[in-house]
N, C-alpha and C. Protein backbone atom coordinates (compact mmCIF):
# COMPACT_ATOMS: atom_id res chain seq x y z
N MET A 1 114.46 97.72 74.13
CA MET A 1 113.29 97.04 73.69
C MET A 1 113.16 95.66 74.38
N ASP A 2 114.29 94.95 74.44
CA ASP A 2 114.32 93.63 75.10
C ASP A 2 113.89 93.73 76.61
N HIS A 3 114.22 94.76 77.24
CA HIS A 3 113.89 95.01 78.64
C HIS A 3 112.40 95.16 78.78
N GLN A 4 111.80 95.89 77.87
CA GLN A 4 110.36 96.11 77.88
C GLN A 4 109.63 94.73 77.69
N LEU A 5 110.13 93.93 76.76
CA LEU A 5 109.51 92.65 76.50
C LEU A 5 109.66 91.77 77.71
N ASP A 6 110.82 91.66 78.34
CA ASP A 6 111.02 90.90 79.57
C ASP A 6 110.12 91.32 80.67
N ALA A 7 109.96 92.66 80.83
CA ALA A 7 109.04 93.15 81.89
C ALA A 7 107.62 92.76 81.57
N ALA A 8 107.20 92.89 80.36
CA ALA A 8 105.78 92.54 80.02
C ALA A 8 105.55 91.03 80.16
N LEU A 9 106.48 90.18 79.83
CA LEU A 9 106.29 88.79 80.02
C LEU A 9 106.30 88.39 81.45
N SER A 10 107.16 89.06 82.26
CA SER A 10 107.19 88.79 83.71
C SER A 10 105.85 89.21 84.35
N THR A 11 105.34 90.41 83.98
CA THR A 11 104.05 90.85 84.52
C THR A 11 102.91 89.89 84.17
N ARG A 12 102.97 89.43 82.91
CA ARG A 12 101.82 88.54 82.43
C ARG A 12 101.93 87.25 83.21
N ALA A 13 103.13 86.78 83.51
CA ALA A 13 103.26 85.52 84.28
C ALA A 13 102.74 85.62 85.70
N VAL A 14 102.98 86.75 86.33
CA VAL A 14 102.47 87.02 87.61
C VAL A 14 100.90 87.08 87.67
N ILE A 15 100.35 87.77 86.71
CA ILE A 15 98.95 87.91 86.57
C ILE A 15 98.28 86.45 86.32
N GLU A 16 98.92 85.67 85.42
CA GLU A 16 98.42 84.34 85.11
C GLU A 16 98.45 83.47 86.46
N GLN A 17 99.51 83.65 87.14
CA GLN A 17 99.66 82.84 88.47
C GLN A 17 98.56 83.26 89.40
N ALA A 18 98.27 84.58 89.54
CA ALA A 18 97.26 84.98 90.38
C ALA A 18 95.85 84.45 89.91
N LYS A 19 95.62 84.47 88.64
CA LYS A 19 94.35 83.92 88.17
C LYS A 19 94.23 82.43 88.43
N LYS A 20 95.28 81.69 88.23
CA LYS A 20 95.25 80.26 88.53
C LYS A 20 94.99 79.97 90.04
N THR A 21 95.58 80.81 90.84
CA THR A 21 95.37 80.66 92.33
C THR A 21 93.90 80.88 92.59
N LEU A 22 93.25 81.91 92.01
CA LEU A 22 91.86 82.18 92.23
C LEU A 22 91.02 81.04 91.75
N MET A 23 91.43 80.58 90.55
CA MET A 23 90.60 79.47 89.95
C MET A 23 90.61 78.21 90.85
N LEU A 24 91.78 77.88 91.38
CA LEU A 24 91.91 76.70 92.25
C LEU A 24 91.20 76.89 93.54
N THR A 25 91.38 78.10 94.14
CA THR A 25 90.79 78.41 95.47
C THR A 25 89.30 78.42 95.47
N TYR A 26 88.65 79.02 94.39
CA TYR A 26 87.25 79.27 94.39
C TYR A 26 86.53 78.47 93.32
N SER A 27 87.20 77.51 92.71
CA SER A 27 86.61 76.74 91.62
C SER A 27 85.87 77.52 90.57
N ILE A 28 86.58 78.46 90.06
CA ILE A 28 85.99 79.38 88.99
C ILE A 28 86.81 79.21 87.74
N ASP A 29 86.23 79.67 86.64
CA ASP A 29 86.99 79.60 85.38
C ASP A 29 87.85 80.81 85.21
N ASN A 30 88.60 80.79 84.10
CA ASN A 30 89.56 81.84 83.76
C ASN A 30 88.95 83.24 83.60
N ALA A 31 87.79 83.32 82.93
CA ALA A 31 87.07 84.58 82.78
C ALA A 31 86.65 85.13 84.09
N VAL A 32 86.11 84.40 84.94
CA VAL A 32 85.66 84.89 86.22
C VAL A 32 86.90 85.31 87.07
N ALA A 33 87.92 84.63 87.06
CA ALA A 33 89.10 84.97 87.79
C ALA A 33 89.65 86.34 87.27
N TRP A 34 89.65 86.48 85.98
CA TRP A 34 90.12 87.82 85.43
C TRP A 34 89.13 88.88 85.85
N SER A 35 87.87 88.65 85.80
CA SER A 35 86.90 89.61 86.23
C SER A 35 87.09 90.03 87.66
N LEU A 36 87.35 89.09 88.52
CA LEU A 36 87.64 89.36 90.00
C LEU A 36 88.93 90.28 90.11
N LEU A 37 89.96 89.95 89.38
CA LEU A 37 91.13 90.74 89.48
C LEU A 37 90.91 92.21 88.97
N ARG A 38 90.19 92.31 87.85
CA ARG A 38 89.87 93.56 87.32
C ARG A 38 89.00 94.38 88.28
N TRP A 39 88.02 93.74 88.88
CA TRP A 39 87.13 94.43 89.79
C TRP A 39 87.84 94.95 90.97
N GLN A 40 88.67 94.07 91.60
CA GLN A 40 89.46 94.49 92.74
C GLN A 40 90.42 95.65 92.44
N SER A 41 91.04 95.52 91.22
CA SER A 41 91.87 96.59 90.76
C SER A 41 91.19 97.94 90.69
N GLN A 42 90.00 97.90 90.14
CA GLN A 42 89.24 99.13 90.02
C GLN A 42 88.73 99.65 91.27
N GLU A 43 88.22 98.71 92.14
CA GLU A 43 87.71 99.11 93.52
C GLU A 43 88.73 99.77 94.40
N HIS A 44 89.95 99.39 94.23
CA HIS A 44 91.00 99.84 95.19
C HIS A 44 92.02 100.72 94.47
N ASN A 45 91.73 101.07 93.16
CA ASN A 45 92.64 101.94 92.36
C ASN A 45 94.07 101.49 92.40
N VAL A 46 94.21 100.18 92.13
CA VAL A 46 95.54 99.52 92.12
C VAL A 46 95.58 98.80 90.77
N LYS A 47 96.81 98.91 90.13
CA LYS A 47 96.99 98.22 88.84
C LYS A 47 96.91 96.71 89.13
N VAL A 48 96.36 95.99 88.08
CA VAL A 48 96.21 94.57 88.17
C VAL A 48 97.57 93.91 88.43
N ARG A 49 98.60 94.33 87.78
CA ARG A 49 99.92 93.71 88.01
C ARG A 49 100.38 93.92 89.44
N GLU A 50 100.03 95.02 90.13
CA GLU A 50 100.40 95.20 91.52
C GLU A 50 99.56 94.37 92.41
N LEU A 51 98.25 94.20 92.07
CA LEU A 51 97.38 93.43 92.88
C LEU A 51 97.81 91.94 92.77
N ALA A 52 98.22 91.49 91.64
CA ALA A 52 98.59 90.09 91.44
C ALA A 52 99.94 89.73 92.16
N ALA A 53 100.77 90.73 92.30
CA ALA A 53 102.09 90.43 92.90
C ALA A 53 102.05 90.17 94.34
């Protein structure tokens, strides 16, 4: 159970870092950055966590 929690927290941190990078690069807010990550994930059939890494 601890391993799953560690993996989830690690994945979340990577996604948050990717969102922050998008926010700084494109001067967008958190919701738009998340929408961009989701859209790219769906367009390319790649999980968000893989896209963010």
